[in-house]
Amino acid sequence: MKTVEVTHISSHGLWVLLPDGEVFLPYQEFPWFREASIGEALHVELLHGGHLYWPDLDVDLAVESVRHPDRFPLVSRGKVGRKKGEKRFIRRKGART
């Protein structure tokens, strides 16, 4: 397993250091991390095929979807901020369909 590390957590999101650079995950697009404890957010693994996995949160993200969100038009609302009966996935603004 390659090394990966959450290097910074702010009120806007978190930064993850990968073997080939750093990515920012804003809470607006990745709501699962907004209410996560620091320990949960820091516990991240880089899996095969370029996937980031937070086992304590059961969140699995393709690094490619973080770097190039326009290529991945569906965005999960997650449980945070979703009202009963509301769609689980929405289209990213400006995304190609």
Protein backbone atom coordinates (compact mmCIF):
# COMPACT_ATOMS: atom_id res chain seq x y z
CA MET A 1 0.00 0.00 0.00
CA LYS A 2 1.36 3.43 -0.95
CA THR A 3 1.48 6.22 1.61
CA VAL A 4 -1.18 8.90 1.82
CA GLU A 5 -1.78 11.52 4.49
CA VAL A 6 -4.33 14.17 5.40
CA THR A 7 -2.09 17.21 5.87
CA HIS A 8 -4.60 19.92 6.78
CA ILE A 9 -8.21 20.18 7.95
CA SER A 10 -10.00 23.54 7.83
CA SER A 11 -13.52 24.90 8.02
CA HIS A 12 -13.68 24.58 4.20
CA GLY A 13 -12.34 21.08 3.60
CA LEU A 14 -9.30 18.88 3.86
CA TRP A 15 -6.03 18.45 1.99
CA VAL A 16 -4.69 14.99 1.18
CA LEU A 17 -1.06 14.38 0.26
CA LEU A 18 -0.63 11.63 -2.34
CA PRO A 19 2.59 10.15 -3.74
CA ASP A 20 2.25 12.42 -6.79
CA GLY A 21 0.80 15.63 -5.32
CA GLU A 22 -1.80 17.12 -3.02
CA VAL A 23 -5.58 17.38 -3.54
CA PHE A 24 -8.21 19.49 -1.78
CA LEU A 25 -11.59 18.03 -0.85
CA PRO A 26 -14.06 20.86 -0.14
CA TYR A 27 -16.93 19.99 2.20
CA GLN A 28 -19.37 21.45 -0.29
CA GLU A 29 -18.57 18.62 -2.71
CA PHE A 30 -17.53 15.97 -0.16
CA PRO A 31 -20.03 16.41 2.71
CA TRP A 32 -19.05 13.19 4.51
CA PHE A 33 -16.03 14.89 6.04
CA ARG A 34 -17.79 17.98 7.44
CA GLU A 35 -19.04 16.23 10.60
CA ALA A 36 -16.25 13.64 10.82
CA SER A 37 -13.99 13.61 13.84
CA ILE A 38 -10.34 14.49 13.29
CA GLY A 39 -9.40 10.86 13.89
CA GLU A 40 -11.91 9.64 11.30
CA ALA A 41 -10.70 12.16 8.72
CA LEU A 42 -7.03 11.35 9.32
CA HIS A 43 -7.54 7.59 8.93
CA VAL A 44 -7.19 7.31 5.14
CA GLU A 45 -5.70 4.61 2.93
CA LEU A 46 -4.65 4.65 -0.71
CA LEU A 47 -5.99 1.48 -2.29
CA HIS A 48 -5.19 -0.15 -5.61
CA GLY A 49 -6.32 1.67 -8.71
CA GLY A 50 -5.99 5.14 -7.19
CA HIS A 51 -8.81 4.99 -4.66
CA LEU A 52 -8.78 6.84 -1.35
CA TYR A 53 -10.59 4.97 1.42
CA TRP A 54 -11.65 6.21 4.85
CA PRO A 55 -12.60 2.97 6.66
CA ASP A 56 -14.09 4.71 9.72
CA LEU A 57 -16.46 6.67 7.45
CA ASP A 58 -16.90 3.99 4.76
CA VAL A 59 -15.99 6.57 2.09
CA ASP A 60 -14.23 5.46 -1.09
CA LEU A 61 -13.22 8.11 -3.64
CA ALA A 62 -11.37 7.73 -6.92
CA VAL A 63 -8.44 10.16 -6.97
CA GLU A 64 -9.35 10.91 -10.59
CA SER A 65 -12.82 12.13 -9.52
CA VAL A 66 -11.21 14.60 -7.11
CA ARG A 67 -8.69 15.88 -9.65
CA HIS A 68 -11.15 16.05 -12.57
CA PRO A 69 -14.68 16.45 -11.17
CA ASP A 70 -16.01 17.56 -14.57
CA ARG A 71 -15.53 13.97 -15.79
CA PHE A 72 -17.77 12.65 -12.99
CA PRO A 73 -21.11 14.46 -13.23
CA LEU A 74 -22.95 12.69 -10.40
CA VAL A 75 -22.36 14.00 -6.89
CA SER A 76 -23.63 12.21 -3.80
CA ARG A 77 -25.61 14.27 -1.36
CA GLY A 78 -24.53 11.79 1.29
CA LYS A 79 -26.58 11.73 4.47
CA VAL A 80 -25.48 15.23 5.37
CA GLY A 81 -27.92 17.86 4.15
CA ARG A 82 -30.23 15.41 2.38
CA LYS A 83 -33.91 15.62 3.17
CA LYS A 84 -36.17 12.58 3.34
CA GLY A 85 -37.20 11.52 -0.16
CA GLU A 86 -34.59 13.72 -1.82
CA LYS A 87 -32.43 12.25 -4.58
CA ARG A 88 -29.20 10.71 -3.38
CA PHE A 89 -27.19 11.90 -6.39
CA ILE A 90 -27.30 15.23 -8.19
CA ARG A 91 -25.55 16.45 -11.34
CA ARG A 92 -22.47 18.59 -10.81
CA LYS A 93 -22.98 22.15 -12.12
CA GLY A 94 -21.49 22.52 -15.59
CA ALA A 95 -20.84 18.78 -15.93
CA ARG A 96 -20.95 17.09 -19.28
CA THR A 97 -23.74 14.55 -19.61
